[in-house]
Amino acid sequence: MAHRIPVYHLVFIQKSAGGMSPRLQLTLGPERVAVLLQQRAIADNEVYTQVTEERAAAVARGVQVVVDDTRADHYQKILIPD
């Protein structure tokens, strides 16, 4: 049976998102910056929830899960096109 390789691979990496530059903040204004930061926080929580669920499922299957404790407990979902 052949396994098809997906066209896009989603990869989760343990990394904090960078901040917004002061120039961009001045350009957008405080209201728009607040909205963007709130949207980023919601997206971060969704990714964190997904990582936590996958980690718990792996532990339930008996897989040893290794987490880098030297980095922040934040994750980003990155799309790697083929």
PDB file of N, CA and C in Angstrom:
ATOM      1  N   MET A   1       0.848  -1.176   0.000  1.00  0.00           N
ATOM      2  CA  MET A   1       0.000   0.000   0.000  1.00  0.00           C
ATOM      3  C   MET A   1       0.892   1.238   0.000  1.00  0.00           C
ATOM      4  N   ALA A   2       0.626   2.122  -0.897  1.00  0.00           N
ATOM      5  CA  ALA A   2       1.423   3.342  -1.015  1.00  0.00           C
ATOM      6  C   ALA A   2       0.877   4.419  -0.091  1.00  0.00           C
ATOM      7  N   HIS A   3       1.795   5.136   0.531  1.00  0.00           N
ATOM      8  CA  HIS A   3       1.411   6.255   1.379  1.00  0.00           C
ATOM      9  C   HIS A   3       1.713   7.537   0.627  1.00  0.00           C
ATOM     10  N   ARG A   4       0.708   8.333   0.467  1.00  0.00           N
ATOM     11  CA  ARG A   4       0.910   9.597  -0.224  1.00  0.00           C
ATOM     12  C   ARG A   4       1.546  10.606   0.709  1.00  0.00           C
ATOM     13  N   ILE A   5       2.500  11.331   0.194  1.00  0.00           N
ATOM     14  CA  ILE A   5       3.145  12.385   0.957  1.00  0.00           C
ATOM     15  C   ILE A   5       2.323  13.651   0.773  1.00  0.00           C
ATOM     16  N   PRO A   6       1.899  14.264   1.863  1.00  0.00           N
ATOM     17  CA  PRO A   6       1.100  15.479   1.716  1.00  0.00           C
ATOM     18  C   PRO A   6       1.918  16.601   1.062  1.00  0.00           C
ATOM     19  N   VAL A   7       1.198  17.456   0.374  1.00  0.00           N
ATOM     20  CA  VAL A   7       1.858  18.559  -0.315  1.00  0.00           C
ATOM     21  C   VAL A   7       2.444  19.537   0.698  1.00  0.00           C
ATOM     22  N   TYR A   8       1.752  19.726   1.798  1.00  0.00           N
ATOM     23  CA  TYR A   8       2.217  20.647   2.827  1.00  0.00           C
ATOM     24  C   TYR A   8       2.412  19.891   4.134  1.00  0.00           C
ATOM     25  N   HIS A   9       3.450  20.198   4.837  1.00  0.00           N
ATOM     26  CA  HIS A   9       3.716  19.602   6.132  1.00  0.00           C
ATOM     27  C   HIS A   9       3.573  20.691   7.188  1.00  0.00           C
ATOM     28  N   LEU A  10       2.783  20.404   8.218  1.00  0.00           N
ATOM     29  CA  LEU A  10       2.662  21.315   9.349  1.00  0.00           C
ATOM     30  C   LEU A  10       3.605  20.836  10.434  1.00  0.00           C
ATOM     31  N   VAL A  11       4.430  21.713  10.908  1.00  0.00           N
ATOM     32  CA  VAL A  11       5.421  21.391  11.923  1.00  0.00           C
ATOM     33  C   VAL A  11       5.208  22.314  13.111  1.00  0.00           C
ATOM     34  N   PHE A  12       5.272  21.739  14.303  1.00  0.00           N
ATOM     35  CA  PHE A  12       5.175  22.533  15.518  1.00  0.00           C
ATOM     36  C   PHE A  12       6.574  22.699  16.081  1.00  0.00           C
ATOM     37  N   ILE A  13       6.949  23.935  16.369  1.00  0.00           N
ATOM     38  CA  ILE A  13       8.244  24.186  16.976  1.00  0.00           C
ATOM     39  C   ILE A  13       8.032  24.913  18.300  1.00  0.00           C
ATOM     40  N   GLN A  14       8.945  24.670  19.220  1.00  0.00           N
ATOM     41  CA  GLN A  14       8.865  25.292  20.538  1.00  0.00           C
ATOM     42  C   GLN A  14       9.609  26.615  20.473  1.00  0.00           C
ATOM     43  N   LYS A  15       8.835  27.694  20.341  1.00  0.00           N
ATOM     44  CA  LYS A  15       9.433  29.012  20.142  1.00  0.00           C
ATOM     45  C   LYS A  15       8.398  30.085  20.466  1.00  0.00           C
ATOM     46  N   SER A  16       8.833  31.156  21.061  1.00  0.00           N
ATOM     47  CA  SER A  16       7.945  32.285  21.326  1.00  0.00           C
ATOM     48  C   SER A  16       7.856  33.169  20.093  1.00  0.00           C
ATOM     49  N   ALA A  17       6.704  33.762  19.929  1.00  0.00           N
ATOM     50  CA  ALA A  17       6.533  34.703  18.820  1.00  0.00           C
ATOM     51  C   ALA A  17       7.259  36.001  19.142  1.00  0.00           C
ATOM     52  N   GLY A  18       7.792  36.625  18.137  1.00  0.00           N
ATOM     53  CA  GLY A  18       8.482  37.890  18.337  1.00  0.00           C
ATOM     54  C   GLY A  18       7.506  39.026  18.581  1.00  0.00           C
ATOM     55  N   GLY A  19       8.024  40.117  19.038  1.00  0.00           N
ATOM     56  CA  GLY A  19       7.184  41.277  19.307  1.00  0.00           C
ATOM     57  C   GLY A  19       6.970  42.121  18.068  1.00  0.00           C
ATOM     58  N   MET A  20       6.224  43.171  18.230  1.00  0.00           N
ATOM     59  CA  MET A  20       5.946  44.097  17.153  1.00  0.00           C
ATOM     60  C   MET A  20       6.908  45.271  17.259  1.00  0.00           C
ATOM     61  N   SER A  21       7.404  45.713  16.140  1.00  0.00           N
ATOM     62  CA  SER A  21       8.349  46.824  16.178  1.00  0.00           C
ATOM     63  C   SER A  21       7.645  48.108  16.620  1.00  0.00           C
ATOM     64  N   PRO A  22       8.357  48.993  17.298  1.00  0.00           N
ATOM     65  CA  PRO A  22       7.749  50.252  17.738  1.00  0.00           C
ATOM     66  C   PRO A  22       7.223  51.088  16.570  1.00  0.00           C
ATOM     67  N   ARG A  23       7.924  51.070  15.462  1.00  0.00           N
ATOM     68  CA  ARG A  23       7.474  51.841  14.298  1.00  0.00           C
ATOM     69  C   ARG A  23       6.126  51.321  13.783  1.00  0.00           C
ATOM     70  N   LEU A  24       5.988  49.989  13.731  1.00  0.00           N
ATOM     71  CA  LEU A  24       4.721  49.399  13.292  1.00  0.00           C
ATOM     72  C   LEU A  24       3.608  49.725  14.272  1.00  0.00           C
ATOM     73  N   GLN A  25       3.914  49.706  15.561  1.00  0.00           N
ATOM     74  CA  GLN A  25       2.912  50.048  16.558  1.00  0.00           C
ATOM     75  C   GLN A  25       2.441  51.489  16.392  1.00  0.00           C
ATOM     76  N   LEU A  26       3.354  52.397  16.129  1.00  0.00           N
ATOM     77  CA  LEU A  26       2.965  53.799  15.919  1.00  0.00           C
ATOM     78  C   LEU A  26       2.151  53.957  14.642  1.00  0.00           C
ATOM     79  N   THR A  27       2.504  53.199  13.626  1.00  0.00           N
ATOM     80  CA  THR A  27       1.781  53.289  12.354  1.00  0.00           C
ATOM     81  C   THR A  27       0.352  52.779  12.500  1.00  0.00           C
ATOM     82  N   LEU A  28       0.184  51.653  13.200  1.00  0.00           N
ATOM     83  CA  LEU A  28      -1.137  51.031  13.321  1.00  0.00           C
ATOM     84  C   LEU A  28      -2.037  51.733  14.328  1.00  0.00           C
ATOM     85  N   GLY A  29      -1.461  52.260  15.369  1.00  0.00           N
ATOM     86  CA  GLY A  29      -2.262  52.889  16.421  1.00  0.00           C
ATOM     87  C   GLY A  29      -2.566  51.890  17.525  1.00  0.00           C
ATOM     88  N   PRO A  30      -2.870  52.395  18.711  1.00  0.00           N
ATOM     89  CA  PRO A  30      -3.039  51.516  19.877  1.00  0.00           C
ATOM     90  C   PRO A  30      -4.223  50.556  19.773  1.00  0.00           C
ATOM     91  N   GLU A  31      -5.319  50.998  19.125  1.00  0.00           N
ATOM     92  CA  GLU A  31      -6.489  50.119  19.019  1.00  0.00           C
ATOM     93  C   GLU A  31      -6.199  48.913  18.137  1.00  0.00           C
ATOM     94  N   ARG A  32      -5.589  49.144  17.000  1.00  0.00           N
ATOM     95  CA  ARG A  32      -5.278  48.057  16.062  1.00  0.00           C
ATOM     96  C   ARG A  32      -4.207  47.125  16.644  1.00  0.00           C
ATOM     97  N   VAL A  33      -3.246  47.675  17.348  1.00  0.00           N
ATOM     98  CA  VAL A  33      -2.215  46.857  17.989  1.00  0.00           C
ATOM     99  C   VAL A  33      -2.848  45.947  19.030  1.00  0.00           C
ATOM    100  N   ALA A  34      -3.785  46.471  19.813  1.00  0.00           N
ATOM    101  CA  ALA A  34      -4.467  45.664  20.831  1.00  0.00           C
ATOM    102  C   ALA A  34      -5.241  44.516  20.188  1.00  0.00           C
ATOM    103  N   VAL A  35      -5.915  44.798  19.073  1.00  0.00           N
ATOM    104  CA  VAL A  35      -6.669  43.758  18.364  1.00  0.00           C
ATOM    105  C   VAL A  35      -5.726  42.683  17.826  1.00  0.00           C
ATOM    106  N   LEU A  36      -4.615  43.094  17.233  1.00  0.00           N
ATOM    107  CA  LEU A  36      -3.658  42.133  16.686  1.00  0.00           C
ATOM    108  C   LEU A  36      -3.030  41.280  17.777  1.00  0.00           C
ATOM    109  N   LEU A  37      -2.700  41.882  18.904  1.00  0.00           N
ATOM    110  CA  LEU A  37      -2.130  41.126  20.010  1.00  0.00           C
ATOM    111  C   LEU A  37      -3.132  40.133  20.590  1.00  0.00           C
ATOM    112  N   GLN A  38      -4.399  40.536  20.624  1.00  0.00           N
ATOM    113  CA  GLN A  38      -5.439  39.628  21.109  1.00  0.00           C
ATOM    114  C   GLN A  38      -5.619  38.457  20.137  1.00  0.00           C
ATOM    115  N   GLN A  39      -5.611  38.733  18.829  1.00  0.00           N
ATOM    116  CA  GLN A  39      -5.722  37.660  17.837  1.00  0.00           C
ATOM    117  C   GLN A  39      -4.531  36.712  17.923  1.00  0.00           C
ATOM    118  N   ARG A  40      -3.347  37.250  18.152  1.00  0.00           N
ATOM    119  CA  ARG A  40      -2.151  36.416  18.282  1.00  0.00           C
ATOM    120  C   ARG A  40      -2.245  35.535  19.527  1.00  0.00           C
ATOM    121  N   ALA A  41      -2.757  36.093  20.618  1.00  0.00           N
ATOM    122  CA  ALA A  41      -2.904  35.315  21.847  1.00  0.00           C
ATOM    123  C   ALA A  41      -3.897  34.174  21.656  1.00  0.00           C
ATOM    124  N   ILE A  42      -4.986  34.430  20.950  1.00  0.00           N
ATOM    125  CA  ILE A  42      -5.975  33.379  20.680  1.00  0.00           C
ATOM    126  C   ILE A  42      -5.356  32.279  19.825  1.00  0.00           C
ATOM    127  N   ALA A  43      -4.625  32.660  18.786  1.00  0.00           N
ATOM    128  CA  ALA A  43      -3.973  31.666  17.925  1.00  0.00           C
ATOM    129  C   ALA A  43      -2.936  30.868  18.702  1.00  0.00           C
ATOM    130  N   ASP A  44      -2.171  31.533  19.563  1.00  0.00           N
ATOM    131  CA  ASP A  44      -1.175  30.842  20.382  1.00  0.00           C
ATOM    132  C   ASP A  44      -1.828  29.824  21.309  1.00  0.00           C
ATOM    133  N   ASN A  45      -2.966  30.194  21.892  1.00  0.00           N
ATOM    134  CA  ASN A  45      -3.666  29.272  22.790  1.00  0.00           C
ATOM    135  C   ASN A  45      -4.203  28.058  22.032  1.00  0.00           C
ATOM    136  N   GLU A  46      -4.666  28.257  20.791  1.00  0.00           N
ATOM    137  CA  GLU A  46      -5.155  27.139  19.993  1.00  0.00           C
ATOM    138  C   GLU A  46      -4.019  26.162  19.688  1.00  0.00           C
ATOM    139  N   VAL A  47      -2.867  26.684  19.320  1.00  0.00           N
ATOM    140  CA  VAL A  47      -1.717  25.828  19.028  1.00  0.00           C
ATOM    141  C   VAL A  47      -1.256  25.126  20.298  1.00  0.00           C
ATOM    142  N   TYR A  48      -1.211  25.836  21.409  1.00  0.00           N
ATOM    143  CA  TYR A  48      -0.787  25.244  22.678  1.00  0.00           C
ATOM    144  C   TYR A  48      -1.729  24.113  23.087  1.00  0.00           C
ATOM    145  N   THR A  49      -3.027  24.316  22.897  1.00  0.00           N
ATOM    146  CA  THR A  49      -4.015  23.282  23.217  1.00  0.00           C
ATOM    147  C   THR A  49      -3.794  22.047  22.355  1.00  0.00           C
ATOM    148  N   GLN A  50      -3.550  22.246  21.080  1.00  0.00           N
ATOM    149  CA  GLN A  50      -3.315  21.123  20.176  1.00  0.00           C
ATOM    150  C   GLN A  50      -2.048  20.355  20.570  1.00  0.00           C
ATOM    151  N   VAL A  51      -0.989  21.074  20.910  1.00  0.00           N
ATOM    152  CA  VAL A  51       0.261  20.428  21.336  1.00  0.00           C
ATOM    153  C   VAL A  51       0.038  19.652  22.629  1.00  0.00           C
ATOM    154  N   THR A  52      -0.690  20.221  23.565  1.00  0.00           N
ATOM    155  CA  THR A  52      -0.958  19.561  24.839  1.00  0.00           C
ATOM    156  C   THR A  52      -1.767  18.291  24.638  1.00  0.00           C
ATOM    157  N   GLU A  53      -2.768  18.336  23.747  1.00  0.00           N
ATOM    158  CA  GLU A  53      -3.581  17.148  23.475  1.00  0.00           C
ATOM    159  C   GLU A  53      -2.751  16.049  22.820  1.00  0.00           C
ATOM    160  N   GLU A  54      -1.907  16.405  21.861  1.00  0.00           N
ATOM    161  CA  GLU A  54      -1.067  15.409  21.205  1.00  0.00           C
ATOM    162  C   GLU A  54      -0.051  14.815  22.179  1.00  0.00           C
ATOM    163  N   ARG A  55       0.479  15.653  23.062  1.00  0.00           N
ATOM    164  CA  ARG A  55       1.440  15.177  24.052  1.00  0.00           C
ATOM    165  C   ARG A  55       0.765  14.200  25.012  1.00  0.00           C
ATOM    166  N   ALA A  56      -0.452  14.517  25.466  1.00  0.00           N
ATOM    167  CA  ALA A  56      -1.177  13.629  26.382  1.00  0.00           C
ATOM    168  C   ALA A  56      -1.526  12.308  25.695  1.00  0.00           C
ATOM    169  N   ALA A  57      -1.905  12.358  24.422  1.00  0.00           N
ATOM    170  CA  ALA A  57      -2.209  11.130  23.686  1.00  0.00           C
ATOM    171  C   ALA A  57      -0.965  10.265  23.527  1.00  0.00           C
ATOM    172  N   ALA A  58       0.175  10.887  23.286  1.00  0.00           N
ATOM    173  CA  ALA A  58       1.426  10.136  23.146  1.00  0.00           C
ATOM    174  C   ALA A  58       1.815   9.473  24.463  1.00  0.00           C
ATOM    175  N   VAL A  59       1.661  10.184  25.560  1.00  0.00           N
ATOM    176  CA  VAL A  59       1.979   9.615  26.872  1.00  0.00           C
ATOM    177  C   VAL A  59       1.038   8.453  27.172  1.00  0.00           C
ATOM    178  N   ALA A  60      -0.229   8.581  26.790  1.00  0.00           N
ATOM    179  CA  ALA A  60      -1.192   7.503  27.011  1.00  0.00           C
ATOM    180  C   ALA A  60      -0.826   6.260  26.209  1.00  0.00           C
ATOM    181  N   ARG A  61      -0.197   6.430  25.059  1.00  0.00           N
ATOM    182  CA  ARG A  61       0.243   5.291  24.241  1.00  0.00           C
ATOM    183  C   ARG A  61       1.563   4.715  24.738  1.00  0.00           C
ATOM    184  N   GLY A  62       2.189   5.358  25.713  1.00  0.00           N
ATOM    185  CA  GLY A  62       3.442   4.872  26.265  1.00  0.00           C
ATOM    186  C   GLY A  62       4.672   5.456  25.600  1.00  0.00           C
ATOM    187  N   VAL A  63       4.503   6.518  24.846  1.00  0.00           N
ATOM    188  CA  VAL A  63       5.630   7.161  24.179  1.00  0.00           C
ATOM    189  C   VAL A  63       6.277   8.143  25.152  1.00  0.00           C
ATOM    190  N   GLN A  64       7.606   8.140  25.201  1.00  0.00           N
ATOM    191  CA  GLN A  64       8.308   9.085  26.054  1.00  0.00           C
ATOM    192  C   GLN A  64       8.352  10.438  25.348  1.00  0.00           C
ATOM    193  N   VAL A  65       7.805  11.437  25.976  1.00  0.00           N
ATOM    194  CA  VAL A  65       7.744  12.781  25.407  1.00  0.00           C
ATOM    195  C   VAL A  65       8.850  13.615  26.036  1.00  0.00           C
ATOM    196  N   VAL A  66       9.671  14.223  25.199  1.00  0.00           N
ATOM    197  CA  VAL A  66      10.770  15.053  25.671  1.00  0.00           C
ATOM    198  C   VAL A  66      10.470  16.505  25.309  1.00  0.00           C
ATOM    199  N   VAL A  67      10.514  17.359  26.305  1.00  0.00           N
ATOM    200  CA  VAL A  67      10.254  18.779  26.108  1.00  0.00           C
ATOM    201  C   VAL A  67      11.488  19.551  26.550  1.00  0.00           C
ATOM    202  N   ASP A  68      11.866  20.518  25.754  1.00  0.00           N
ATOM    203  CA  ASP A  68      13.034  21.345  26.086  1.00  0.00           C
ATOM    204  C   ASP A  68      12.628  22.362  27.152  1.00  0.00           C
ATOM    205  N   ASP A  69      13.066  22.122  28.394  1.00  0.00           N
ATOM    206  CA  ASP A  69      12.702  23.005  29.502  1.00  0.00           C
ATOM    207  C   ASP A  69      13.483  24.308  29.502  1.00  0.00           C
ATOM    208  N   THR A  70      14.513  24.421  28.662  1.00  0.00           N
ATOM    209  CA  THR A  70      15.283  25.653  28.633  1.00  0.00           C
ATOM    210  C   THR A  70      14.597  26.724  27.795  1.00  0.00           C
ATOM    211  N   ARG A  71      13.603  26.335  27.020  1.00  0.00           N
ATOM    212  CA  ARG A  71      12.864  27.303  26.199  1.00  0.00           C
ATOM    213  C   ARG A  71      11.500  27.584  26.821  1.00  0.00           C
ATOM    214  N   ALA A  72      10.917  28.665  26.376  1.00  0.00           N
ATOM    215  CA  ALA A  72       9.583  29.013  26.865  1.00  0.00           C
ATOM    216  C   ALA A  72       8.577  27.963  26.401  1.00  0.00           C
ATOM    217  N   ASP A  73       7.502  27.803  27.146  1.00  0.00           N
ATOM    218  CA  ASP A  73       6.483  26.804  26.814  1.00  0.00           C
ATOM    219  C   ASP A  73       5.475  27.390  25.823  1.00  0.00           C
ATOM    220  N   HIS A  74       5.987  27.901  24.709  1.00  0.00           N
ATOM    221  CA  HIS A  74       5.173  28.460  23.636  1.00  0.00           C
ATOM    222  C   HIS A  74       5.487  27.686  22.370  1.00  0.00           C
ATOM    223  N   TYR A  75       4.492  27.567  21.501  1.00  0.00           N
ATOM    224  CA  TYR A  75       4.673  26.795  20.280  1.00  0.00           C
ATOM    225  C   TYR A  75       4.130  27.577  19.096  1.00  0.00           C
ATOM    226  N   GLN A  76       4.711  27.323  17.940  1.00  0.00           N
ATOM    227  CA  GLN A  76       4.238  27.930  16.704  1.00  0.00           C
ATOM    228  C   GLN A  76       4.021  26.830  15.678  1.00  0.00           C
ATOM    229  N   LYS A  77       2.966  26.994  14.891  1.00  0.00           N
ATOM    230  CA  LYS A  77       2.694  26.055  13.824  1.00  0.00           C
ATOM    231  C   LYS A  77       3.248  26.661  12.542  1.00  0.00           C
ATOM    232  N   ILE A  78       4.134  25.918  11.879  1.00  0.00           N
ATOM    233  CA  ILE A  78       4.791  26.428  10.673  1.00  0.00           C
ATOM    234  C   ILE A  78       4.438  25.528   9.505  1.00  0.00           C
ATOM    235  N   LEU A  79       4.113  26.128   8.388  1.00  0.00           N
ATOM    236  CA  LEU A  79       3.774  25.404   7.175  1.00  0.00           C
ATOM    237  C   LEU A  79       5.016  25.301   6.308  1.00  0.00           C
ATOM    238  N   ILE A  80       5.428  24.068   5.987  1.00  0.00           N
ATOM    239  CA  ILE A  80       6.597  23.854   5.152  1.00  0.00           C
ATOM    240  C   ILE A  80       6.116  23.292   3.816  1.00  0.00           C
ATOM    241  N   PRO A  81       6.130  24.084   2.755  1.00  0.00           N
ATOM    242  CA  PRO A  81       5.688  23.570   1.456  1.00  0.00           C
ATOM    243  C   PRO A  81       6.754  22.678   0.826  1.00  0.00           C
ATOM    244  N   ASP A  82       6.297  21.699   0.086  1.00  0.00           N
ATOM    245  CA  ASP A  82       7.236  20.835  -0.635  1.00  0.00           C
ATOM    246  C   ASP A  82       7.664  21.448  -1.936  1.00  0.00           C
TER     247      ASP A  82
END
